[in-house]
Each structure stands twice: as C-alpha cells, then as structure tokens.
Amino acid sequence: TLIPLSAAFIGDDGTIVNIADMQPQTDESHCSTGPVRFVLEMRQGWFDKRGIKPGSRLRGKPFQ
C-alpha cells in the first residue's frame, strides 16, 4: 500500500484482539496475538481517533 495503515485483528465475537500499525511500501508481516476471524484495515490513526483499542467490541450482524 502507499499509505500507512492500521490493522485491527478481530475475534469471532467482535472483540479486537490487537491493532498493528503498518508502514507503506514494506513487506513486513503483521500477525494477531490470538485467534481471529477478521482483519479490518484503516488509515493509520483511525482507530485511535475513535477510541477503539484492543478489548473493544464491534457490534453488528456477523457478531450477534
């Protein structure tokens, strides 16, 4: 990618396990610190601005 991203690793129940910041134009791997089903990538800083951090829980259809 050409922009810095943050990846939120999300478990089956919608809980964010961890968030990893990723730098542009690198091949560096980023992994979850636990079992997850989903990964949501957003512009770096998006999660921080909204107070979303590990332990936060997403709500919606897939997590009901």
PDB file of N, CA and C in Angstrom:
ATOM      1  N   THR A   1       0.834  -1.189   0.000  1.00  0.00           N
ATOM      2  CA  THR A   1       0.000   0.000   0.000  1.00  0.00           C
ATOM      3  C   THR A   1       0.881   1.255   0.000  1.00  0.00           C
ATOM      4  N   LEU A   2       0.326   2.341  -0.437  1.00  0.00           N
ATOM      5  CA  LEU A   2       1.081   3.592  -0.496  1.00  0.00           C
ATOM      6  C   LEU A   2       0.857   4.483   0.716  1.00  0.00           C
ATOM      7  N   ILE A   3      -0.062   4.096   1.603  1.00  0.00           N
ATOM      8  CA  ILE A   3      -0.358   4.905   2.788  1.00  0.00           C
ATOM      9  C   ILE A   3      -0.165   4.063   4.046  1.00  0.00           C
ATOM     10  N   PRO A   4       0.147   4.692   5.179  1.00  0.00           N
ATOM     11  CA  PRO A   4       0.263   3.933   6.427  1.00  0.00           C
ATOM     12  C   PRO A   4      -1.128   3.472   6.889  1.00  0.00           C
ATOM     13  N   LEU A   5      -1.216   2.219   7.267  1.00  0.00           N
ATOM     14  CA  LEU A   5      -2.474   1.624   7.704  1.00  0.00           C
ATOM     15  C   LEU A   5      -2.341   1.071   9.114  1.00  0.00           C
ATOM     16  N   SER A   6      -3.490   0.874   9.749  1.00  0.00           N
ATOM     17  CA  SER A   6      -3.574   0.118  10.997  1.00  0.00           C
ATOM     18  C   SER A   6      -4.507  -1.051  10.730  1.00  0.00           C
ATOM     19  N   ALA A   7      -4.150  -2.216  11.238  1.00  0.00           N
ATOM     20  CA  ALA A   7      -4.964  -3.418  11.070  1.00  0.00           C
ATOM     21  C   ALA A   7      -5.488  -3.856  12.425  1.00  0.00           C
ATOM     22  N   ALA A   8      -6.816  -3.964  12.532  1.00  0.00           N
ATOM     23  CA  ALA A   8      -7.438  -4.468  13.753  1.00  0.00           C
ATOM     24  C   ALA A   8      -7.757  -5.945  13.537  1.00  0.00           C
ATOM     25  N   PHE A   9      -7.219  -6.790  14.387  1.00  0.00           N
ATOM     26  CA  PHE A   9      -7.461  -8.229  14.332  1.00  0.00           C
ATOM     27  C   PHE A   9      -8.651  -8.529  15.245  1.00  0.00           C
ATOM     28  N   ILE A  10      -9.701  -9.122  14.682  1.00  0.00           N
ATOM     29  CA  ILE A  10     -10.991  -9.233  15.361  1.00  0.00           C
ATOM     30  C   ILE A  10     -11.396 -10.697  15.534  1.00  0.00           C
ATOM     31  N   GLY A  11     -11.749 -11.069  16.764  1.00  0.00           N
ATOM     32  CA  GLY A  11     -12.174 -12.428  17.075  1.00  0.00           C
ATOM     33  C   GLY A  11     -13.604 -12.719  16.645  1.00  0.00           C
ATOM     34  N   ASP A  12     -14.023 -13.966  16.808  1.00  0.00           N
ATOM     35  CA  ASP A  12     -15.361 -14.414  16.422  1.00  0.00           C
ATOM     36  C   ASP A  12     -16.481 -13.581  17.038  1.00  0.00           C
ATOM     37  N   ASP A  13     -16.275 -13.109  18.260  1.00  0.00           N
ATOM     38  CA  ASP A  13     -17.333 -12.384  18.967  1.00  0.00           C
ATOM     39  C   ASP A  13     -17.273 -10.873  18.727  1.00  0.00           C
ATOM     40  N   GLY A  14     -16.373 -10.412  17.853  1.00  0.00           N
ATOM     41  CA  GLY A  14     -16.261  -8.992  17.542  1.00  0.00           C
ATOM     42  C   GLY A  14     -15.278  -8.241  18.409  1.00  0.00           C
ATOM     43  N   THR A  15     -14.591  -8.946  19.302  1.00  0.00           N
ATOM     44  CA  THR A  15     -13.611  -8.290  20.167  1.00  0.00           C
ATOM     45  C   THR A  15     -12.299  -8.083  19.413  1.00  0.00           C
ATOM     46  N   ILE A  16     -11.752  -6.881  19.518  1.00  0.00           N
ATOM     47  CA  ILE A  16     -10.470  -6.586  18.889  1.00  0.00           C
ATOM     48  C   ILE A  16      -9.370  -7.168  19.761  1.00  0.00           C
ATOM     49  N   VAL A  17      -8.625  -8.089  19.179  1.00  0.00           N
ATOM     50  CA  VAL A  17      -7.549  -8.783  19.885  1.00  0.00           C
ATOM     51  C   VAL A  17      -6.317  -7.890  19.969  1.00  0.00           C
ATOM     52  N   ASN A  18      -5.938  -7.299  18.851  1.00  0.00           N
ATOM     53  CA  ASN A  18      -4.822  -6.357  18.826  1.00  0.00           C
ATOM     54  C   ASN A  18      -4.920  -5.504  17.566  1.00  0.00           C
ATOM     55  N   ILE A  19      -4.183  -4.400  17.585  1.00  0.00           N
ATOM     56  CA  ILE A  19      -4.113  -3.493  16.439  1.00  0.00           C
ATOM     57  C   ILE A  19      -2.643  -3.309  16.094  1.00  0.00           C
ATOM     58  N   ALA A  20      -2.328  -3.481  14.812  1.00  0.00           N
ATOM     59  CA  ALA A  20      -0.943  -3.333  14.352  1.00  0.00           C
ATOM     60  C   ALA A  20      -0.850  -2.188  13.353  1.00  0.00           C
ATOM     61  N   ASP A  21       0.117  -1.291  13.552  1.00  0.00           N
ATOM     62  CA  ASP A  21       0.373  -0.220  12.589  1.00  0.00           C
ATOM     63  C   ASP A  21       1.308  -0.744  11.518  1.00  0.00           C
ATOM     64  N   MET A  22       1.000  -0.393  10.276  1.00  0.00           N
ATOM     65  CA  MET A  22       1.778  -0.865   9.127  1.00  0.00           C
ATOM     66  C   MET A  22       2.294   0.332   8.340  1.00  0.00           C
ATOM     67  N   GLN A  23       3.541   0.272   7.969  1.00  0.00           N
ATOM     68  CA  GLN A  23       4.161   1.336   7.190  1.00  0.00           C
ATOM     69  C   GLN A  23       3.973   1.065   5.698  1.00  0.00           C
ATOM     70  N   PRO A  24       3.914   2.108   4.894  1.00  0.00           N
ATOM     71  CA  PRO A  24       3.727   1.927   3.456  1.00  0.00           C
ATOM     72  C   PRO A  24       4.944   1.308   2.782  1.00  0.00           C
ATOM     73  N   GLN A  25       4.664   0.589   1.725  1.00  0.00           N
ATOM     74  CA  GLN A  25       5.676   0.031   0.828  1.00  0.00           C
ATOM     75  C   GLN A  25       6.723  -0.816   1.543  1.00  0.00           C
ATOM     76  N   THR A  26       6.266  -1.693   2.444  1.00  0.00           N
ATOM     77  CA  THR A  26       7.166  -2.648   3.085  1.00  0.00           C
ATOM     78  C   THR A  26       6.584  -4.047   2.946  1.00  0.00           C
ATOM     79  N   ASP A  27       7.418  -5.037   3.163  1.00  0.00           N
ATOM     80  CA  ASP A  27       6.986  -6.431   3.139  1.00  0.00           C
ATOM     81  C   ASP A  27       6.893  -7.008   4.549  1.00  0.00           C
ATOM     82  N   GLU A  28       6.934  -6.153   5.554  1.00  0.00           N
ATOM     83  CA  GLU A  28       6.894  -6.601   6.946  1.00  0.00           C
ATOM     84  C   GLU A  28       5.546  -7.264   7.252  1.00  0.00           C
ATOM     85  N   SER A  29       5.601  -8.420   7.904  1.00  0.00           N
ATOM     86  CA  SER A  29       4.384  -9.143   8.285  1.00  0.00           C
ATOM     87  C   SER A  29       3.833  -8.614   9.603  1.00  0.00           C
ATOM     88  N   HIS A  30       2.514  -8.671   9.735  1.00  0.00           N
ATOM     89  CA  HIS A  30       1.837  -8.275  10.970  1.00  0.00           C
ATOM     90  C   HIS A  30       0.843  -9.372  11.306  1.00  0.00           C
ATOM     91  N   CYS A  31       0.921  -9.863  12.528  1.00  0.00           N
ATOM     92  CA  CYS A  31       0.104 -11.007  12.929  1.00  0.00           C
ATOM     93  C   CYS A  31      -0.726 -10.685  14.157  1.00  0.00           C
ATOM     94  N   SER A  32      -1.764 -11.476  14.320  1.00  0.00           N
ATOM     95  CA  SER A  32      -2.601 -11.373  15.500  1.00  0.00           C
ATOM     96  C   SER A  32      -1.881 -12.000  16.682  1.00  0.00           C
ATOM     97  N   THR A  33      -2.213 -11.506  17.867  1.00  0.00           N
ATOM     98  CA  THR A  33      -1.639 -12.090  19.082  1.00  0.00           C
ATOM     99  C   THR A  33      -2.520 -13.207  19.633  1.00  0.00           C
ATOM    100  N   GLY A  34      -3.613 -13.518  18.934  1.00  0.00           N
ATOM    101  CA  GLY A  34      -4.522 -14.589  19.337  1.00  0.00           C
ATOM    102  C   GLY A  34      -5.372 -15.012  18.156  1.00  0.00           C
ATOM    103  N   PRO A  35      -6.245 -15.995  18.368  1.00  0.00           N
ATOM    104  CA  PRO A  35      -7.107 -16.464  17.275  1.00  0.00           C
ATOM    105  C   PRO A  35      -8.088 -15.369  16.833  1.00  0.00           C
ATOM    106  N   VAL A  36      -8.219 -15.178  15.533  1.00  0.00           N
ATOM    107  CA  VAL A  36      -9.142 -14.184  14.981  1.00  0.00           C
ATOM    108  C   VAL A  36      -9.839 -14.730  13.742  1.00  0.00           C
ATOM    109  N   ARG A  37     -10.925 -14.083  13.370  1.00  0.00           N
ATOM    110  CA  ARG A  37     -11.645 -14.439  12.146  1.00  0.00           C
ATOM    111  C   ARG A  37     -11.541 -13.332  11.099  1.00  0.00           C
ATOM    112  N   PHE A  38     -11.405 -12.075  11.551  1.00  0.00           N
ATOM    113  CA  PHE A  38     -11.427 -10.942  10.639  1.00  0.00           C
ATOM    114  C   PHE A  38     -10.240 -10.019  10.887  1.00  0.00           C
ATOM    115  N   VAL A  39      -9.904  -9.240   9.847  1.00  0.00           N
ATOM    116  CA  VAL A  39      -8.933  -8.152   9.973  1.00  0.00           C
ATOM    117  C   VAL A  39      -9.525  -6.946   9.256  1.00  0.00           C
ATOM    118  N   LEU A  40      -9.549  -5.806   9.931  1.00  0.00           N
ATOM    119  CA  LEU A  40     -10.058  -4.574   9.347  1.00  0.00           C
ATOM    120  C   LEU A  40      -8.901  -3.593   9.236  1.00  0.00           C
ATOM    121  N   GLU A  41      -8.597  -3.164   8.005  1.00  0.00           N
ATOM    122  CA  GLU A  41      -7.513  -2.209   7.769  1.00  0.00           C
ATOM    123  C   GLU A  41      -8.097  -0.828   7.525  1.00  0.00           C
ATOM    124  N   MET A  42      -7.552   0.167   8.237  1.00  0.00           N
ATOM    125  CA  MET A  42      -7.982   1.556   8.094  1.00  0.00           C
ATOM    126  C   MET A  42      -6.741   2.436   8.048  1.00  0.00           C
ATOM    127  N   ARG A  43      -6.934   3.681   7.616  1.00  0.00           N
ATOM    128  CA  ARG A  43      -5.812   4.628   7.647  1.00  0.00           C
ATOM    129  C   ARG A  43      -5.254   4.694   9.064  1.00  0.00           C
ATOM    130  N   GLN A  44      -3.934   4.784   9.171  1.00  0.00           N
ATOM    131  CA  GLN A  44      -3.306   4.841  10.487  1.00  0.00           C
ATOM    132  C   GLN A  44      -3.853   6.035  11.282  1.00  0.00           C
ATOM    133  N   GLY A  45      -4.230   5.787  12.519  1.00  0.00           N
ATOM    134  CA  GLY A  45      -4.795   6.818  13.371  1.00  0.00           C
ATOM    135  C   GLY A  45      -6.314   6.759  13.468  1.00  0.00           C
ATOM    136  N   TRP A  46      -6.961   6.058  12.538  1.00  0.00           N
ATOM    137  CA  TRP A  46      -8.430   5.971  12.522  1.00  0.00           C
ATOM    138  C   TRP A  46      -8.961   5.363  13.814  1.00  0.00           C
ATOM    139  N   PHE A  47      -8.382   4.266  14.251  1.00  0.00           N
ATOM    140  CA  PHE A  47      -8.843   3.603  15.481  1.00  0.00           C
ATOM    141  C   PHE A  47      -8.603   4.497  16.701  1.00  0.00           C
ATOM    142  N   ASP A  48      -7.423   5.105  16.791  1.00  0.00           N
ATOM    143  CA  ASP A  48      -7.084   5.990  17.917  1.00  0.00           C
ATOM    144  C   ASP A  48      -8.066   7.154  18.027  1.00  0.00           C
ATOM    145  N   LYS A  49      -8.384   7.785  16.905  1.00  0.00           N
ATOM    146  CA  LYS A  49      -9.284   8.935  16.911  1.00  0.00           C
ATOM    147  C   LYS A  49     -10.665   8.579  17.445  1.00  0.00           C
ATOM    148  N   ARG A  50     -11.041   7.333  17.311  1.00  0.00           N
ATOM    149  CA  ARG A  50     -12.369   6.888  17.745  1.00  0.00           C
ATOM    150  C   ARG A  50     -12.349   6.148  19.083  1.00  0.00           C
ATOM    151  N   GLY A  51     -11.177   6.093  19.705  1.00  0.00           N
ATOM    152  CA  GLY A  51     -11.059   5.426  20.999  1.00  0.00           C
ATOM    153  C   GLY A  51     -11.205   3.915  20.913  1.00  0.00           C
ATOM    154  N   ILE A  52     -10.954   3.353  19.740  1.00  0.00           N
ATOM    155  CA  ILE A  52     -11.051   1.904  19.544  1.00  0.00           C
ATOM    156  C   ILE A  52      -9.684   1.304  19.830  1.00  0.00           C
ATOM    157  N   LYS A  53      -9.655   0.303  20.719  1.00  0.00           N
ATOM    158  CA  LYS A  53      -8.389  -0.304  21.128  1.00  0.00           C
ATOM    159  C   LYS A  53      -8.611  -1.782  21.413  1.00  0.00           C
ATOM    160  N   PRO A  54      -7.540  -2.540  21.638  1.00  0.00           N
ATOM    161  CA  PRO A  54      -7.715  -3.947  21.981  1.00  0.00           C
ATOM    162  C   PRO A  54      -8.667  -4.092  23.168  1.00  0.00           C
ATOM    163  N   GLY A  55      -9.575  -5.036  23.044  1.00  0.00           N
ATOM    164  CA  GLY A  55     -10.600  -5.243  24.066  1.00  0.00           C
ATOM    165  C   GLY A  55     -11.926  -4.604  23.688  1.00  0.00           C
ATOM    166  N   SER A  56     -11.902  -3.608  22.774  1.00  0.00           N
ATOM    167  CA  SER A  56     -13.151  -3.022  22.284  1.00  0.00           C
ATOM    168  C   SER A  56     -13.910  -4.093  21.502  1.00  0.00           C
ATOM    169  N   ARG A  57     -15.228  -3.961  21.479  1.00  0.00           N
ATOM    170  CA  ARG A  57     -16.036  -4.968  20.784  1.00  0.00           C
ATOM    171  C   ARG A  57     -16.892  -4.316  19.712  1.00  0.00           C
ATOM    172  N   LEU A  58     -16.817  -4.863  18.509  1.00  0.00           N
ATOM    173  CA  LEU A  58     -17.644  -4.402  17.404  1.00  0.00           C
ATOM    174  C   LEU A  58     -19.018  -5.049  17.513  1.00  0.00           C
ATOM    175  N   ARG A  59     -20.020  -4.344  17.040  1.00  0.00           N
ATOM    176  CA  ARG A  59     -21.380  -4.896  17.046  1.00  0.00           C
ATOM    177  C   ARG A  59     -21.890  -4.937  15.619  1.00  0.00           C
ATOM    178  N   GLY A  60     -22.828  -5.808  15.381  1.00  0.00           N
ATOM    179  CA  GLY A  60     -23.423  -5.922  14.064  1.00  0.00           C
ATOM    180  C   GLY A  60     -23.763  -7.350  13.737  1.00  0.00           C
ATOM    181  N   LYS A  61     -24.264  -7.550  12.561  1.00  0.00           N
ATOM    182  CA  LYS A  61     -24.772  -8.848  12.145  1.00  0.00           C
ATOM    183  C   LYS A  61     -23.831 -10.027  12.321  1.00  0.00           C
ATOM    184  N   PRO A  62     -22.564  -9.929  11.863  1.00  0.00           N
ATOM    185  CA  PRO A  62     -21.724 -11.127  11.989  1.00  0.00           C
ATOM    186  C   PRO A  62     -21.381 -11.499  13.443  1.00  0.00           C
ATOM    187  N   PHE A  63     -21.578 -10.574  14.381  1.00  0.00           N
ATOM    188  CA  PHE A  63     -21.160 -10.812  15.757  1.00  0.00           C
ATOM    189  C   PHE A  63     -22.319 -11.069  16.707  1.00  0.00           C
ATOM    190  N   GLN A  64     -23.520 -11.225  16.200  1.00  0.00           N
ATOM    191  CA  GLN A  64     -24.670 -11.424  17.065  1.00  0.00           C
ATOM    192  C   GLN A  64     -24.790 -12.852  17.519  1.00  0.00           C
TER     193      GLN A  64
END
